[in-house]
Amino acid sequence: LNYILRLHTPKQHGRLPFLAYEFT
């Protein structure tokens, strides 16, 4: 499940959503 979530990291939606997603 963690691998699937890593594949769907929002890299193209700005820095703040990207960092918040990775932190969570």
PDB file of all heavy atoms in Angstrom:
ATOM      1  N   LEU A   1       0.829  -1.213   0.000  1.00  0.00           N
ATOM      2  CA  LEU A   1       0.000   0.000   0.000  1.00  0.00           C
ATOM      3  C   LEU A   1       0.859   1.256   0.000  1.00  0.00           C
ATOM      4  O   LEU A   1       0.551   2.238  -0.692  1.00  0.00           O
ATOM      5  CB  LEU A   1      -0.925  -0.006   1.226  1.00  0.00           C
ATOM      6  CG  LEU A   1      -2.020  -1.075   1.248  1.00  0.00           C
ATOM      7  CD1 LEU A   1      -2.762  -1.044   2.585  1.00  0.00           C
ATOM      8  CD2 LEU A   1      -2.997  -0.860   0.097  1.00  0.00           C
ATOM      9  N   ASN A   2       1.947   1.231   0.769  1.00  0.00           N
ATOM     10  CA  ASN A   2       2.851   2.382   0.804  1.00  0.00           C
ATOM     11  C   ASN A   2       3.495   2.610  -0.565  1.00  0.00           C
ATOM     12  O   ASN A   2       3.679   3.767  -0.988  1.00  0.00           O
ATOM     13  CB  ASN A   2       3.934   2.158   1.858  1.00  0.00           C
ATOM     14  CG  ASN A   2       4.840   3.357   2.031  1.00  0.00           C
ATOM     15  OD1 ASN A   2       4.389   4.490   2.209  1.00  0.00           O
ATOM     16  ND2 ASN A   2       6.140   3.141   1.980  1.00  0.00           N
ATOM     17  N   TYR A   3       3.826   1.542  -1.258  1.00  0.00           N
ATOM     18  CA  TYR A   3       4.407   1.662  -2.597  1.00  0.00           C
ATOM     19  C   TYR A   3       3.407   2.280  -3.581  1.00  0.00           C
ATOM     20  O   TYR A   3       3.769   3.148  -4.389  1.00  0.00           O
ATOM     21  CB  TYR A   3       4.839   0.282  -3.089  1.00  0.00           C
ATOM     22  CG  TYR A   3       5.364   0.267  -4.505  1.00  0.00           C
ATOM     23  CD1 TYR A   3       6.620   0.786  -4.799  1.00  0.00           C
ATOM     24  CD2 TYR A   3       4.595  -0.262  -5.542  1.00  0.00           C
ATOM     25  CE1 TYR A   3       7.114   0.788  -6.097  1.00  0.00           C
ATOM     26  CE2 TYR A   3       5.074  -0.272  -6.842  1.00  0.00           C
ATOM     27  CZ  TYR A   3       6.325   0.258  -7.116  1.00  0.00           C
ATOM     28  OH  TYR A   3       6.796   0.255  -8.404  1.00  0.00           O
ATOM     29  N   ILE A   4       2.164   1.880  -3.490  1.00  0.00           N
ATOM     30  CA  ILE A   4       1.124   2.450  -4.361  1.00  0.00           C
ATOM     31  C   ILE A   4       0.945   3.937  -4.075  1.00  0.00           C
ATOM     32  O   ILE A   4       0.816   4.760  -4.997  1.00  0.00           O
ATOM     33  CB  ILE A   4      -0.202   1.689  -4.171  1.00  0.00           C
ATOM     34  CG1 ILE A   4      -0.052   0.240  -4.656  1.00  0.00           C
ATOM     35  CG2 ILE A   4      -1.335   2.376  -4.920  1.00  0.00           C
ATOM     36  CD1 ILE A   4      -1.253  -0.637  -4.359  1.00  0.00           C
ATOM     37  N   LEU A   5       0.965   4.306  -2.794  1.00  0.00           N
ATOM     38  CA  LEU A   5       0.837   5.723  -2.442  1.00  0.00           C
ATOM     39  C   LEU A   5       2.035   6.527  -2.939  1.00  0.00           C
ATOM     40  O   LEU A   5       1.889   7.682  -3.344  1.00  0.00           O
ATOM     41  CB  LEU A   5       0.709   5.862  -0.922  1.00  0.00           C
ATOM     42  CG  LEU A   5      -0.597   5.351  -0.305  1.00  0.00           C
ATOM     43  CD1 LEU A   5      -0.545   5.446   1.218  1.00  0.00           C
ATOM     44  CD2 LEU A   5      -1.781   6.152  -0.839  1.00  0.00           C
ATOM     45  N   ARG A   6       3.216   5.936  -2.916  1.00  0.00           N
ATOM     46  CA  ARG A   6       4.404   6.637  -3.424  1.00  0.00           C
ATOM     47  C   ARG A   6       4.301   6.857  -4.929  1.00  0.00           C
ATOM     48  O   ARG A   6       4.774   7.876  -5.441  1.00  0.00           O
ATOM     49  CB  ARG A   6       5.671   5.855  -3.090  1.00  0.00           C
ATOM     50  CG  ARG A   6       6.075   5.971  -1.635  1.00  0.00           C
ATOM     51  CD  ARG A   6       7.485   5.475  -1.401  1.00  0.00           C
ATOM     52  NE  ARG A   6       7.593   4.028  -1.517  1.00  0.00           N
ATOM     53  CZ  ARG A   6       8.442   3.386  -2.298  1.00  0.00           C
ATOM     54  NH1 ARG A   6       9.263   4.077  -3.067  1.00  0.00           N
ATOM     55  NH2 ARG A   6       8.473   2.081  -2.334  1.00  0.00           N
ATOM     56  N   LEU A   7       3.702   5.919  -5.642  1.00  0.00           N
ATOM     57  CA  LEU A   7       3.541   6.075  -7.088  1.00  0.00           C
ATOM     58  C   LEU A   7       2.575   7.201  -7.431  1.00  0.00           C
ATOM     59  O   LEU A   7       2.667   7.786  -8.530  1.00  0.00           O
ATOM     60  CB  LEU A   7       3.034   4.767  -7.704  1.00  0.00           C
ATOM     61  CG  LEU A   7       4.010   3.581  -7.716  1.00  0.00           C
ATOM     62  CD1 LEU A   7       3.346   2.365  -8.336  1.00  0.00           C
ATOM     63  CD2 LEU A   7       5.287   3.931  -8.472  1.00  0.00           C
ATOM     64  N   HIS A   8       1.656   7.510  -6.529  1.00  0.00           N
ATOM     65  CA  HIS A   8       0.641   8.540  -6.786  1.00  0.00           C
ATOM     66  C   HIS A   8       0.963   9.851  -6.065  1.00  0.00           C
ATOM     67  O   HIS A   8       0.070  10.640  -5.764  1.00  0.00           O
ATOM     68  CB  HIS A   8      -0.738   8.036  -6.371  1.00  0.00           C
ATOM     69  CG  HIS A   8      -1.256   6.927  -7.242  1.00  0.00           C
ATOM     70  ND1 HIS A   8      -0.900   5.605  -7.040  1.00  0.00           N
ATOM     71  CD2 HIS A   8      -2.069   6.942  -8.327  1.00  0.00           C
ATOM     72  CE1 HIS A   8      -1.496   4.846  -7.951  1.00  0.00           C
ATOM     73  NE2 HIS A   8      -2.212   5.634  -8.742  1.00  0.00           N
ATOM     74  N   THR A   9       2.241  10.097  -5.794  1.00  0.00           N
ATOM     75  CA  THR A   9       2.646  11.362  -5.180  1.00  0.00           C
ATOM     76  C   THR A   9       2.308  12.520  -6.116  1.00  0.00           C
ATOM     77  O   THR A   9       2.674  12.490  -7.299  1.00  0.00           O
ATOM     78  CB  THR A   9       4.159  11.361  -4.898  1.00  0.00           C
ATOM     79  OG1 THR A   9       4.472  10.254  -4.043  1.00  0.00           O
ATOM     80  CG2 THR A   9       4.576  12.654  -4.223  1.00  0.00           C
ATOM     81  N   PRO A  10       1.622  13.560  -5.631  1.00  0.00           N
ATOM     82  CA  PRO A  10       1.235  14.696  -6.497  1.00  0.00           C
ATOM     83  C   PRO A  10       2.415  15.620  -6.789  1.00  0.00           C
ATOM     84  O   PRO A  10       2.574  16.679  -6.186  1.00  0.00           O
ATOM     85  CB  PRO A  10       0.158  15.401  -5.660  1.00  0.00           C
ATOM     86  CG  PRO A  10       0.516  15.092  -4.245  1.00  0.00           C
ATOM     87  CD  PRO A  10       1.103  13.710  -4.254  1.00  0.00           C
ATOM     88  N   LYS A  11       3.242  15.239  -7.760  1.00  0.00           N
ATOM     89  CA  LYS A  11       4.443  16.012  -8.077  1.00  0.00           C
ATOM     90  C   LYS A  11       4.151  17.237  -8.938  1.00  0.00           C
ATOM     91  O   LYS A  11       4.971  18.143  -9.013  1.00  0.00           O
ATOM     92  CB  LYS A  11       5.456  15.117  -8.801  1.00  0.00           C
ATOM     93  CG  LYS A  11       5.859  13.875  -8.022  1.00  0.00           C
ATOM     94  CD  LYS A  11       6.809  13.015  -8.837  1.00  0.00           C
ATOM     95  CE  LYS A  11       7.165  11.732  -8.091  1.00  0.00           C
ATOM     96  NZ  LYS A  11       8.064  10.857  -8.893  1.00  0.00           N
ATOM     97  N   GLN A  12       2.989  17.262  -9.593  1.00  0.00           N
ATOM     98  CA  GLN A  12       2.699  18.334 -10.550  1.00  0.00           C
ATOM     99  C   GLN A  12       1.679  19.338 -10.022  1.00  0.00           C
ATOM    100  O   GLN A  12       1.135  20.118 -10.796  1.00  0.00           O
ATOM    101  CB  GLN A  12       2.161  17.717 -11.861  1.00  0.00           C
ATOM    102  CG  GLN A  12       3.012  16.608 -12.430  1.00  0.00           C
ATOM    103  CD  GLN A  12       4.413  17.066 -12.794  1.00  0.00           C
ATOM    104  OE1 GLN A  12       4.629  18.220 -13.148  1.00  0.00           O
ATOM    105  NE2 GLN A  12       5.390  16.162 -12.692  1.00  0.00           N
ATOM    106  N   HIS A  13       1.430  19.329  -8.706  1.00  0.00           N
ATOM    107  CA  HIS A  13       0.400  20.216  -8.146  1.00  0.00           C
ATOM    108  C   HIS A  13       0.976  21.274  -7.219  1.00  0.00           C
ATOM    109  O   HIS A  13       0.277  21.776  -6.331  1.00  0.00           O
ATOM    110  CB  HIS A  13      -0.651  19.380  -7.405  1.00  0.00           C
ATOM    111  CG  HIS A  13      -1.422  18.454  -8.289  1.00  0.00           C
ATOM    112  ND1 HIS A  13      -0.928  17.225  -8.681  1.00  0.00           N
ATOM    113  CD2 HIS A  13      -2.636  18.583  -8.879  1.00  0.00           C
ATOM    114  CE1 HIS A  13      -1.811  16.620  -9.467  1.00  0.00           C
ATOM    115  NE2 HIS A  13      -2.843  17.414  -9.604  1.00  0.00           N
ATOM    116  N   GLY A  14       2.223  21.608  -7.382  1.00  0.00           N
ATOM    117  CA  GLY A  14       2.816  22.645  -6.541  1.00  0.00           C
ATOM    118  C   GLY A  14       3.611  22.054  -5.388  1.00  0.00           C
ATOM    119  O   GLY A  14       3.467  20.887  -5.026  1.00  0.00           O
ATOM    120  N   ARG A  15       4.437  22.902  -4.793  1.00  0.00           N
ATOM    121  CA  ARG A  15       5.352  22.446  -3.748  1.00  0.00           C
ATOM    122  C   ARG A  15       4.617  22.100  -2.451  1.00  0.00           C
ATOM    123  O   ARG A  15       4.918  21.083  -1.814  1.00  0.00           O
ATOM    124  CB  ARG A  15       6.400  23.527  -3.482  1.00  0.00           C
ATOM    125  CG  ARG A  15       7.434  23.150  -2.442  1.00  0.00           C
ATOM    126  CD  ARG A  15       8.474  24.254  -2.305  1.00  0.00           C
ATOM    127  NE  ARG A  15       9.213  24.424  -3.556  1.00  0.00           N
ATOM    128  CZ  ARG A  15      10.083  25.385  -3.760  1.00  0.00           C
ATOM    129  NH1 ARG A  15      10.313  26.287  -2.823  1.00  0.00           N
ATOM    130  NH2 ARG A  15      10.725  25.468  -4.913  1.00  0.00           N
ATOM    131  N   LEU A  16       3.670  22.943  -2.037  1.00  0.00           N
ATOM    132  CA  LEU A  16       2.998  22.732  -0.749  1.00  0.00           C
ATOM    133  C   LEU A  16       2.189  21.438  -0.701  1.00  0.00           C
ATOM    134  O   LEU A  16       2.342  20.656   0.253  1.00  0.00           O
ATOM    135  CB  LEU A  16       2.123  23.939  -0.413  1.00  0.00           C
ATOM    136  CG  LEU A  16       1.495  23.947   0.979  1.00  0.00           C
ATOM    137  CD1 LEU A  16       2.580  23.878   2.050  1.00  0.00           C
ATOM    138  CD2 LEU A  16       0.630  25.183   1.178  1.00  0.00           C
ATOM    139  N   PRO A  17       1.319  21.154  -1.701  1.00  0.00           N
ATOM    140  CA  PRO A  17       0.613  19.854  -1.676  1.00  0.00           C
ATOM    141  C   PRO A  17       1.563  18.664  -1.705  1.00  0.00           C
ATOM    142  O   PRO A  17       1.322  17.653  -1.041  1.00  0.00           O
ATOM    143  CB  PRO A  17      -0.264  19.905  -2.939  1.00  0.00           C
ATOM    144  CG  PRO A  17      -0.419  21.344  -3.241  1.00  0.00           C
ATOM    145  CD  PRO A  17       0.871  21.990  -2.826  1.00  0.00           C
ATOM    146  N   PHE A  18       2.652  18.801  -2.451  1.00  0.00           N
ATOM    147  CA  PHE A  18       3.634  17.718  -2.539  1.00  0.00           C
ATOM    148  C   PHE A  18       4.264  17.433  -1.181  1.00  0.00           C
ATOM    149  O   PHE A  18       4.349  16.283  -0.733  1.00  0.00           O
ATOM    150  CB  PHE A  18       4.702  18.102  -3.568  1.00  0.00           C
ATOM    151  CG  PHE A  18       5.910  17.213  -3.563  1.00  0.00           C
ATOM    152  CD1 PHE A  18       5.834  15.900  -3.980  1.00  0.00           C
ATOM    153  CD2 PHE A  18       7.140  17.691  -3.135  1.00  0.00           C
ATOM    154  CE1 PHE A  18       6.947  15.083  -3.986  1.00  0.00           C
ATOM    155  CE2 PHE A  18       8.258  16.876  -3.133  1.00  0.00           C
ATOM    156  CZ  PHE A  18       8.154  15.579  -3.563  1.00  0.00           C
ATOM    157  N   LEU A  19       4.707  18.489  -0.489  1.00  0.00           N
ATOM    158  CA  LEU A  19       5.347  18.309   0.813  1.00  0.00           C
ATOM    159  C   LEU A  19       4.355  17.820   1.860  1.00  0.00           C
ATOM    160  O   LEU A  19       4.695  16.977   2.695  1.00  0.00           O
ATOM    161  CB  LEU A  19       5.983  19.626   1.257  1.00  0.00           C
ATOM    162  CG  LEU A  19       7.137  20.142   0.381  1.00  0.00           C
ATOM    163  CD1 LEU A  19       7.638  21.477   0.911  1.00  0.00           C
ATOM    164  CD2 LEU A  19       8.269  19.137   0.332  1.00  0.00           C
ATOM    165  N   ALA A  20       3.123  18.355   1.831  1.00  0.00           N
ATOM    166  CA  ALA A  20       2.103  17.923   2.791  1.00  0.00           C
ATOM    167  C   ALA A  20       1.762  16.448   2.590  1.00  0.00           C
ATOM    168  O   ALA A  20       1.582  15.695   3.561  1.00  0.00           O
ATOM    169  CB  ALA A  20       0.850  18.784   2.638  1.00  0.00           C
ATOM    170  N   TYR A  21       1.688  16.027   1.337  1.00  0.00           N
ATOM    171  CA  TYR A  21       1.389  14.617   1.035  1.00  0.00           C
ATOM    172  C   TYR A  21       2.494  13.721   1.552  1.00  0.00           C
ATOM    173  O   TYR A  21       2.228  12.677   2.179  1.00  0.00           O
ATOM    174  CB  TYR A  21       1.219  14.456  -0.471  1.00  0.00           C
ATOM    175  CG  TYR A  21       0.898  13.051  -0.914  1.00  0.00           C
ATOM    176  CD1 TYR A  21      -0.419  12.610  -0.995  1.00  0.00           C
ATOM    177  CD2 TYR A  21       1.917  12.157  -1.266  1.00  0.00           C
ATOM    178  CE1 TYR A  21      -0.721  11.315  -1.413  1.00  0.00           C
ATOM    179  CE2 TYR A  21       1.629  10.872  -1.678  1.00  0.00           C
ATOM    180  CZ  TYR A  21       0.313  10.455  -1.754  1.00  0.00           C
ATOM    181  OH  TYR A  21       0.011   9.171  -2.158  1.00  0.00           O
ATOM    182  N   GLU A  22       3.741  14.090   1.302  1.00  0.00           N
ATOM    183  CA  GLU A  22       4.867  13.266   1.738  1.00  0.00           C
ATOM    184  C   GLU A  22       4.964  13.211   3.262  1.00  0.00           C
ATOM    185  O   GLU A  22       5.258  12.157   3.839  1.00  0.00           O
ATOM    186  CB  GLU A  22       6.168  13.810   1.142  1.00  0.00           C
ATOM    187  CG  GLU A  22       6.373  13.437  -0.303  1.00  0.00           C
ATOM    188  CD  GLU A  22       6.419  11.934  -0.512  1.00  0.00           C
ATOM    189  OE1 GLU A  22       7.189  11.264   0.194  1.00  0.00           O
ATOM    190  OE2 GLU A  22       5.676  11.429  -1.367  1.00  0.00           O
ATOM    191  N   PHE A  23       4.734  14.347   3.914  1.00  0.00           N
ATOM    192  CA  PHE A  23       4.758  14.367   5.378  1.00  0.00           C
ATOM    193  C   PHE A  23       3.681  13.442   5.942  1.00  0.00           C
ATOM    194  O   PHE A  23       3.952  12.635   6.846  1.00  0.00           O
ATOM    195  CB  PHE A  23       4.536  15.800   5.878  1.00  0.00           C
ATOM    196  CG  PHE A  23       4.472  15.916   7.375  1.00  0.00           C
ATOM    197  CD1 PHE A  23       5.633  16.063   8.120  1.00  0.00           C
ATOM    198  CD2 PHE A  23       3.260  15.872   8.048  1.00  0.00           C
ATOM    199  CE1 PHE A  23       5.587  16.171   9.509  1.00  0.00           C
ATOM    200  CE2 PHE A  23       3.196  15.974   9.422  1.00  0.00           C
ATOM    201  CZ  PHE A  23       4.371  16.124  10.154  1.00  0.00           C
ATOM    202  N   THR A  24       2.471  13.528   5.405  1.00  0.00           N
ATOM    203  CA  THR A  24       1.357  12.704   5.897  1.00  0.00           C
ATOM    204  C   THR A  24       1.589  11.229   5.608  1.00  0.00           C
ATOM    205  O   THR A  24       1.367  10.368   6.471  1.00  0.00           O
ATOM    206  CB  THR A  24       0.043  13.169   5.253  1.00  0.00           C
ATOM    207  OG1 THR A  24      -0.147  14.562   5.501  1.00  0.00           O
ATOM    208  CG2 THR A  24      -1.137  12.391   5.826  1.00  0.00           C
TER     209      THR A  24
END
